[in-house]
PDB file of all heavy atoms in Angstrom:
ATOM      1  N   ASP A   1      -1.901 -11.009  26.381  1.00  0.00           N
ATOM      2  CA  ASP A   1      -1.448 -11.486  25.073  1.00  0.00           C
ATOM      3  C   ASP A   1      -1.121 -10.296  24.160  1.00  0.00           C
ATOM      4  O   ASP A   1      -1.873  -9.314  24.119  1.00  0.00           O
ATOM      5  CB  ASP A   1      -2.565 -12.249  24.384  1.00  0.00           C
ATOM      6  CG  ASP A   1      -2.424 -13.757  24.494  1.00  0.00           C
ATOM      7  OD1 ASP A   1      -1.666 -14.217  25.329  1.00  0.00           O
ATOM      8  OD2 ASP A   1      -3.107 -14.431  23.687  1.00  0.00           O
ATOM      9  N   GLU A   2      -0.070 -10.431  23.387  1.00  0.00           N
ATOM     10  CA  GLU A   2       0.314  -9.391  22.435  1.00  0.00           C
ATOM     11  C   GLU A   2      -0.831  -9.080  21.477  1.00  0.00           C
ATOM     12  O   GLU A   2      -1.073  -7.935  21.126  1.00  0.00           O
ATOM     13  CB  GLU A   2       1.558  -9.833  21.660  1.00  0.00           C
ATOM     14  CG  GLU A   2       2.049  -8.788  20.683  1.00  0.00           C
ATOM     15  CD  GLU A   2       3.324  -9.202  19.963  1.00  0.00           C
ATOM     16  OE1 GLU A   2       4.128  -9.966  20.535  1.00  0.00           O
ATOM     17  OE2 GLU A   2       3.509  -8.764  18.829  1.00  0.00           O
ATOM     18  N   SER A   3      -1.552 -10.110  21.076  1.00  0.00           N
ATOM     19  CA  SER A   3      -2.638  -9.906  20.094  1.00  0.00           C
ATOM     20  C   SER A   3      -3.750  -9.020  20.667  1.00  0.00           C
ATOM     21  O   SER A   3      -4.251  -8.130  19.956  1.00  0.00           O
ATOM     22  CB  SER A   3      -3.227 -11.226  19.633  1.00  0.00           C
ATOM     23  OG  SER A   3      -3.800 -11.943  20.709  1.00  0.00           O
ATOM     24  N   ILE A   4      -4.096  -9.193  21.909  1.00  0.00           N
ATOM     25  CA  ILE A   4      -5.169  -8.369  22.497  1.00  0.00           C
ATOM     26  C   ILE A   4      -4.694  -6.953  22.724  1.00  0.00           C
ATOM     27  O   ILE A   4      -5.437  -6.002  22.524  1.00  0.00           O
ATOM     28  CB  ILE A   4      -5.752  -9.019  23.779  1.00  0.00           C
ATOM     29  CG1 ILE A   4      -7.098  -8.378  24.147  1.00  0.00           C
ATOM     30  CG2 ILE A   4      -4.810  -8.964  24.926  1.00  0.00           C
ATOM     31  CD1 ILE A   4      -7.852  -9.071  25.264  1.00  0.00           C
ATOM     32  N   ILE A   5      -3.429  -6.784  23.101  1.00  0.00           N
ATOM     33  CA  ILE A   5      -2.864  -5.426  23.288  1.00  0.00           C
ATOM     34  C   ILE A   5      -2.855  -4.714  21.925  1.00  0.00           C
ATOM     35  O   ILE A   5      -3.253  -3.545  21.815  1.00  0.00           O
ATOM     36  CB  ILE A   5      -1.453  -5.479  23.876  1.00  0.00           C
ATOM     37  CG1 ILE A   5      -1.453  -6.080  25.300  1.00  0.00           C
ATOM     38  CG2 ILE A   5      -0.803  -4.093  23.861  1.00  0.00           C
ATOM     39  CD1 ILE A   5      -2.149  -5.247  26.358  1.00  0.00           C
ATOM     40  N   ARG A   6      -2.422  -5.389  20.886  1.00  0.00           N
ATOM     41  CA  ARG A   6      -2.400  -4.788  19.543  1.00  0.00           C
ATOM     42  C   ARG A   6      -3.832  -4.461  19.097  1.00  0.00           C
ATOM     43  O   ARG A   6      -4.078  -3.420  18.482  1.00  0.00           O
ATOM     44  CB  ARG A   6      -1.747  -5.703  18.541  1.00  0.00           C
ATOM     45  CG  ARG A   6      -0.244  -5.733  18.669  1.00  0.00           C
ATOM     46  CD  ARG A   6       0.395  -6.445  17.451  1.00  0.00           C
ATOM     47  NE  ARG A   6       1.825  -6.580  17.619  1.00  0.00           N
ATOM     48  CZ  ARG A   6       2.691  -5.640  17.283  1.00  0.00           C
ATOM     49  NH1 ARG A   6       2.271  -4.504  16.794  1.00  0.00           N
ATOM     50  NH2 ARG A   6       3.989  -5.829  17.453  1.00  0.00           N
ATOM     51  N   ASN A   7      -4.791  -5.341  19.390  1.00  0.00           N
ATOM     52  CA  ASN A   7      -6.183  -5.069  19.009  1.00  0.00           C
ATOM     53  C   ASN A   7      -6.696  -3.824  19.732  1.00  0.00           C
ATOM     54  O   ASN A   7      -7.420  -3.010  19.130  1.00  0.00           O
ATOM     55  CB  ASN A   7      -7.071  -6.257  19.334  1.00  0.00           C
ATOM     56  CG  ASN A   7      -6.868  -7.405  18.371  1.00  0.00           C
ATOM     57  OD1 ASN A   7      -6.282  -7.262  17.324  1.00  0.00           O
ATOM     58  ND2 ASN A   7      -7.321  -8.576  18.778  1.00  0.00           N
ATOM     59  N   MET A   8      -6.340  -3.678  20.996  1.00  0.00           N
ATOM     60  CA  MET A   8      -6.778  -2.510  21.780  1.00  0.00           C
ATOM     61  C   MET A   8      -6.142  -1.230  21.212  1.00  0.00           C
ATOM     62  O   MET A   8      -6.802  -0.191  21.096  1.00  0.00           O
ATOM     63  CB  MET A   8      -6.452  -2.655  23.249  1.00  0.00           C
ATOM     64  CG  MET A   8      -7.240  -3.752  23.961  1.00  0.00           C
ATOM     65  SD  MET A   8      -9.016  -3.372  24.055  1.00  0.00           S
ATOM     66  CE  MET A   8      -9.619  -4.876  24.800  1.00  0.00           C
ATOM     67  N   LEU A   9      -4.885  -1.295  20.856  1.00  0.00           N
ATOM     68  CA  LEU A   9      -4.206  -0.128  20.218  1.00  0.00           C
ATOM     69  C   LEU A   9      -4.901   0.206  18.902  1.00  0.00           C
ATOM     70  O   LEU A   9      -5.146   1.379  18.603  1.00  0.00           O
ATOM     71  CB  LEU A   9      -2.728  -0.431  19.993  1.00  0.00           C
ATOM     72  CG  LEU A   9      -1.820  -0.358  21.222  1.00  0.00           C
ATOM     73  CD1 LEU A   9      -0.458  -1.011  20.919  1.00  0.00           C
ATOM     74  CD2 LEU A   9      -1.644   1.068  21.664  1.00  0.00           C
ATOM     75  N   GLY A  10      -5.192  -0.810  18.106  1.00  0.00           N
ATOM     76  CA  GLY A  10      -5.857  -0.589  16.827  1.00  0.00           C
ATOM     77  C   GLY A  10      -7.244   0.007  16.990  1.00  0.00           C
ATOM     78  O   GLY A  10      -7.647   0.912  16.264  1.00  0.00           O
ATOM     79  N   ALA A  11      -7.989  -0.487  17.974  1.00  0.00           N
ATOM     80  CA  ALA A  11      -9.332   0.011  18.243  1.00  0.00           C
ATOM     81  C   ALA A  11      -9.284   1.483  18.690  1.00  0.00           C
ATOM     82  O   ALA A  11     -10.117   2.306  18.305  1.00  0.00           O
ATOM     83  CB  ALA A  11     -10.031  -0.826  19.297  1.00  0.00           C
ATOM     84  N   GLU A  12      -8.288   1.784  19.519  1.00  0.00           N
ATOM     85  CA  GLU A  12      -8.123   3.149  19.976  1.00  0.00           C
ATOM     86  C   GLU A  12      -7.818   4.079  18.795  1.00  0.00           C
ATOM     87  O   GLU A  12      -8.419   5.151  18.616  1.00  0.00           O
ATOM     88  CB  GLU A  12      -7.014   3.249  21.022  1.00  0.00           C
ATOM     89  CG  GLU A  12      -6.846   4.618  21.616  1.00  0.00           C
ATOM     90  CD  GLU A  12      -5.756   4.680  22.659  1.00  0.00           C
ATOM     91  OE1 GLU A  12      -5.339   3.660  23.220  1.00  0.00           O
ATOM     92  OE2 GLU A  12      -5.295   5.817  22.928  1.00  0.00           O
ATOM     93  N   ALA A  13      -6.872   3.668  17.955  1.00  0.00           N
ATOM     94  CA  ALA A  13      -6.504   4.460  16.785  1.00  0.00           C
ATOM     95  C   ALA A  13      -7.684   4.626  15.853  1.00  0.00           C
ATOM     96  O   ALA A  13      -7.932   5.729  15.313  1.00  0.00           O
ATOM     97  CB  ALA A  13      -5.321   3.810  16.041  1.00  0.00           C
ATOM     98  N   GLU A  14      -8.437   3.563  15.609  1.00  0.00           N
ATOM     99  CA  GLU A  14      -9.610   3.632  14.777  1.00  0.00           C
ATOM    100  C   GLU A  14     -10.638   4.619  15.325  1.00  0.00           C
ATOM    101  O   GLU A  14     -11.251   5.388  14.580  1.00  0.00           O
ATOM    102  CB  GLU A  14     -10.247   2.243  14.669  1.00  0.00           C
ATOM    103  CG  GLU A  14     -11.504   2.173  13.837  1.00  0.00           C
ATOM    104  CD  GLU A  14     -12.102   0.789  13.826  1.00  0.00           C
ATOM    105  OE1 GLU A  14     -12.773   0.422  14.803  1.00  0.00           O
ATOM    106  OE2 GLU A  14     -11.857   0.074  12.855  1.00  0.00           O
ATOM    107  N   SER A  15     -10.823   4.606  16.633  1.00  0.00           N
ATOM    108  CA  SER A  15     -11.778   5.534  17.263  1.00  0.00           C
ATOM    109  C   SER A  15     -11.335   6.979  17.109  1.00  0.00           C
ATOM    110  O   SER A  15     -12.135   7.841  16.802  1.00  0.00           O
ATOM    111  CB  SER A  15     -11.946   5.189  18.756  1.00  0.00           C
ATOM    112  OG  SER A  15     -12.525   3.901  18.881  1.00  0.00           O
ATOM    113  N   TYR A  16     -10.053   7.236  17.291  1.00  0.00           N
ATOM    114  CA  TYR A  16      -9.547   8.602  17.069  1.00  0.00           C
ATOM    115  C   TYR A  16      -9.795   9.017  15.623  1.00  0.00           C
ATOM    116  O   TYR A  16     -10.181  10.138  15.345  1.00  0.00           O
ATOM    117  CB  TYR A  16      -8.045   8.697  17.378  1.00  0.00           C
ATOM    118  CG  TYR A  16      -7.715   8.848  18.834  1.00  0.00           C
ATOM    119  CD1 TYR A  16      -6.851   7.962  19.456  1.00  0.00           C
ATOM    120  CD2 TYR A  16      -8.218   9.915  19.596  1.00  0.00           C
ATOM    121  CE1 TYR A  16      -6.518   8.114  20.817  1.00  0.00           C
ATOM    122  CE2 TYR A  16      -7.893  10.082  20.941  1.00  0.00           C
ATOM    123  CZ  TYR A  16      -7.035   9.162  21.520  1.00  0.00           C
ATOM    124  OH  TYR A  16      -6.702   9.311  22.865  1.00  0.00           O
ATOM    125  N   THR A  17      -9.574   8.094  14.683  1.00  0.00           N
ATOM    126  CA  THR A  17      -9.780   8.396  13.273  1.00  0.00           C
ATOM    127  C   THR A  17     -11.238   8.759  13.023  1.00  0.00           C
ATOM    128  O   THR A  17     -11.546   9.715  12.314  1.00  0.00           O
ATOM    129  CB  THR A  17      -9.351   7.213  12.399  1.00  0.00           C
ATOM    130  OG1 THR A  17      -7.961   6.944  12.621  1.00  0.00           O
ATOM    131  CG2 THR A  17      -9.597   7.475  10.920  1.00  0.00           C
ATOM    132  N   GLU A  18     -12.145   7.962  13.595  1.00  0.00           N
ATOM    133  CA  GLU A  18     -13.580   8.214  13.401  1.00  0.00           C
ATOM    134  C   GLU A  18     -13.996   9.560  14.004  1.00  0.00           C
ATOM    135  O   GLU A  18     -14.940  10.183  13.542  1.00  0.00           O
ATOM    136  CB  GLU A  18     -14.409   7.093  14.006  1.00  0.00           C
ATOM    137  CG  GLU A  18     -14.284   5.771  13.263  1.00  0.00           C
ATOM    138  CD  GLU A  18     -14.841   5.836  11.836  1.00  0.00           C
ATOM    139  OE1 GLU A  18     -15.784   6.626  11.570  1.00  0.00           O
ATOM    140  OE2 GLU A  18     -14.344   5.106  10.996  1.00  0.00           O
ATOM    141  N   LEU A  19     -13.273   9.994  15.029  1.00  0.00           N
ATOM    142  CA  LEU A  19     -13.549  11.295  15.666  1.00  0.00           C
ATOM    143  C   LEU A  19     -12.844  12.447  14.935  1.00  0.00           C
ATOM    144  O   LEU A  19     -12.963  13.613  15.325  1.00  0.00           O
ATOM    145  CB  LEU A  19     -13.146  11.249  17.129  1.00  0.00           C
ATOM    146  CG  LEU A  19     -13.970  10.348  18.032  1.00  0.00           C
ATOM    147  CD1 LEU A  19     -13.336  10.213  19.392  1.00  0.00           C
ATOM    148  CD2 LEU A  19     -15.391  10.869  18.136  1.00  0.00           C
ATOM    149  N   GLY A  20     -12.053  12.125  13.894  1.00  0.00           N
ATOM    150  CA  GLY A  20     -11.360  13.128  13.111  1.00  0.00           C
ATOM    151  C   GLY A  20     -10.029  13.578  13.685  1.00  0.00           C
ATOM    152  O   GLY A  20      -9.469  14.563  13.216  1.00  0.00           O
ATOM    153  N   ASP A  21      -9.514  12.868  14.656  1.00  0.00           N
ATOM    154  CA  ASP A  21      -8.228  13.226  15.280  1.00  0.00           C
ATOM    155  C   ASP A  21      -7.131  12.299  14.738  1.00  0.00           C
ATOM    156  O   ASP A  21      -6.728  11.339  15.412  1.00  0.00           O
ATOM    157  CB  ASP A  21      -8.322  13.112  16.797  1.00  0.00           C
ATOM    158  CG  ASP A  21      -7.151  13.744  17.512  1.00  0.00           C
ATOM    159  OD1 ASP A  21      -6.103  13.973  16.856  1.00  0.00           O
ATOM    160  OD2 ASP A  21      -7.255  13.974  18.732  1.00  0.00           O
ATOM    161  N   LEU A  22      -6.692  12.589  13.527  1.00  0.00           N
ATOM    162  CA  LEU A  22      -5.720  11.715  12.848  1.00  0.00           C
ATOM    163  C   LEU A  22      -4.375  11.760  13.555  1.00  0.00           C
ATOM    164  O   LEU A  22      -3.638  10.771  13.553  1.00  0.00           O
ATOM    165  CB  LEU A  22      -5.597  12.109  11.380  1.00  0.00           C
ATOM    166  CG  LEU A  22      -6.859  12.018  10.562  1.00  0.00           C
ATOM    167  CD1 LEU A  22      -6.621  12.406   9.108  1.00  0.00           C
ATOM    168  CD2 LEU A  22      -7.439  10.595  10.648  1.00  0.00           C
ATOM    169  N   GLU A  23      -4.036  12.885  14.153  1.00  0.00           N
ATOM    170  CA  GLU A  23      -2.752  12.992  14.874  1.00  0.00           C
ATOM    171  C   GLU A  23      -2.735  12.036  16.073  1.00  0.00           C
ATOM    172  O   GLU A  23      -1.742  11.330  16.309  1.00  0.00           O
ATOM    173  CB  GLU A  23      -2.514  14.426  15.328  1.00  0.00           C
ATOM    174  CG  GLU A  23      -1.130  14.668  15.911  1.00  0.00           C
ATOM    175  CD  GLU A  23       0.001  14.413  14.901  1.00  0.00           C
ATOM    176  OE1 GLU A  23      -0.175  14.632  13.697  1.00  0.00           O
ATOM    177  OE2 GLU A  23       1.097  13.976  15.344  1.00  0.00           O
ATOM    178  N   ALA A  24      -3.801  12.020  16.838  1.00  0.00           N
ATOM    179  CA  ALA A  24      -3.888  11.100  17.984  1.00  0.00           C
ATOM    180  C   ALA A  24      -3.884   9.659  17.524  1.00  0.00           C
ATOM    181  O   ALA A  24      -3.267   8.793  18.161  1.00  0.00           O
ATOM    182  CB  ALA A  24      -5.115  11.395  18.832  1.00  0.00           C
ATOM    183  N   ALA A  25      -4.565   9.387  16.407  1.00  0.00           N
ATOM    184  CA  ALA A  25      -4.574   8.027  15.859  1.00  0.00           C
ATOM    185  C   ALA A  25      -3.156   7.584  15.507  1.00  0.00           C
ATOM    186  O   ALA A  25      -2.744   6.467  15.838  1.00  0.00           O
ATOM    187  CB  ALA A  25      -5.482   7.971  14.625  1.00  0.00           C
ATOM    188  N   LYS A  26      -2.430   8.471  14.851  1.00  0.00           N
ATOM    189  CA  LYS A  26      -1.055   8.160  14.460  1.00  0.00           C
ATOM    190  C   LYS A  26      -0.160   7.928  15.674  1.00  0.00           C
ATOM    191  O   LYS A  26       0.624   6.991  15.722  1.00  0.00           O
ATOM    192  CB  LYS A  26      -0.489   9.293  13.589  1.00  0.00           C
ATOM    193  CG  LYS A  26       0.889   9.024  13.049  1.00  0.00           C
ATOM    194  CD  LYS A  26       1.353  10.169  12.180  1.00  0.00           C
ATOM    195  CE  LYS A  26       2.755   9.936  11.707  1.00  0.00           C
ATOM    196  NZ  LYS A  26       3.243  11.046  10.865  1.00  0.00           N
ATOM    197  N   LYS A  27      -0.313   8.776  16.695  1.00  0.00           N
ATOM    198  CA  LYS A  27       0.475   8.632  17.909  1.00  0.00           C
ATOM    199  C   LYS A  27       0.155   7.328  18.635  1.00  0.00           C
ATOM    200  O   LYS A  27       1.005   6.773  19.343  1.00  0.00           O
ATOM    201  CB  LYS A  27       0.244   9.825  18.861  1.00  0.00           C
ATOM    202  CG  LYS A  27       0.937  11.076  18.387  1.00  0.00           C
ATOM    203  CD  LYS A  27       0.663  12.216  19.364  1.00  0.00           C
ATOM    204  CE  LYS A  27       1.292  13.494  18.886  1.00  0.00           C
ATOM    205  NZ  LYS A  27       0.967  14.621  19.765  1.00  0.00           N
ATOM    206  N   THR A  28      -1.071   6.869  18.505  1.00  0.00           N
ATOM    207  CA  THR A  28      -1.458   5.629  19.188  1.00  0.00           C
ATOM    208  C   THR A  28      -0.732   4.431  18.641  1.00  0.00           C
ATOM    209  O   THR A  28      -0.383   3.501  19.366  1.00  0.00           O
ATOM    210  CB  THR A  28      -3.003   5.411  19.056  1.00  0.00           C
ATOM    211  OG1 THR A  28      -3.653   6.512  19.665  1.00  0.00           O
ATOM    212  CG2 THR A  28      -3.444   4.142  19.725  1.00  0.00           C
TER     213      THR A  28
END
């Protein structure tokens, strides 16, 4: 489902943000 894929992308980006890697979050 598109919704679960988007949620996974968002969770990945959020995790990069929490780790301080804003560039990786943006690329995600």
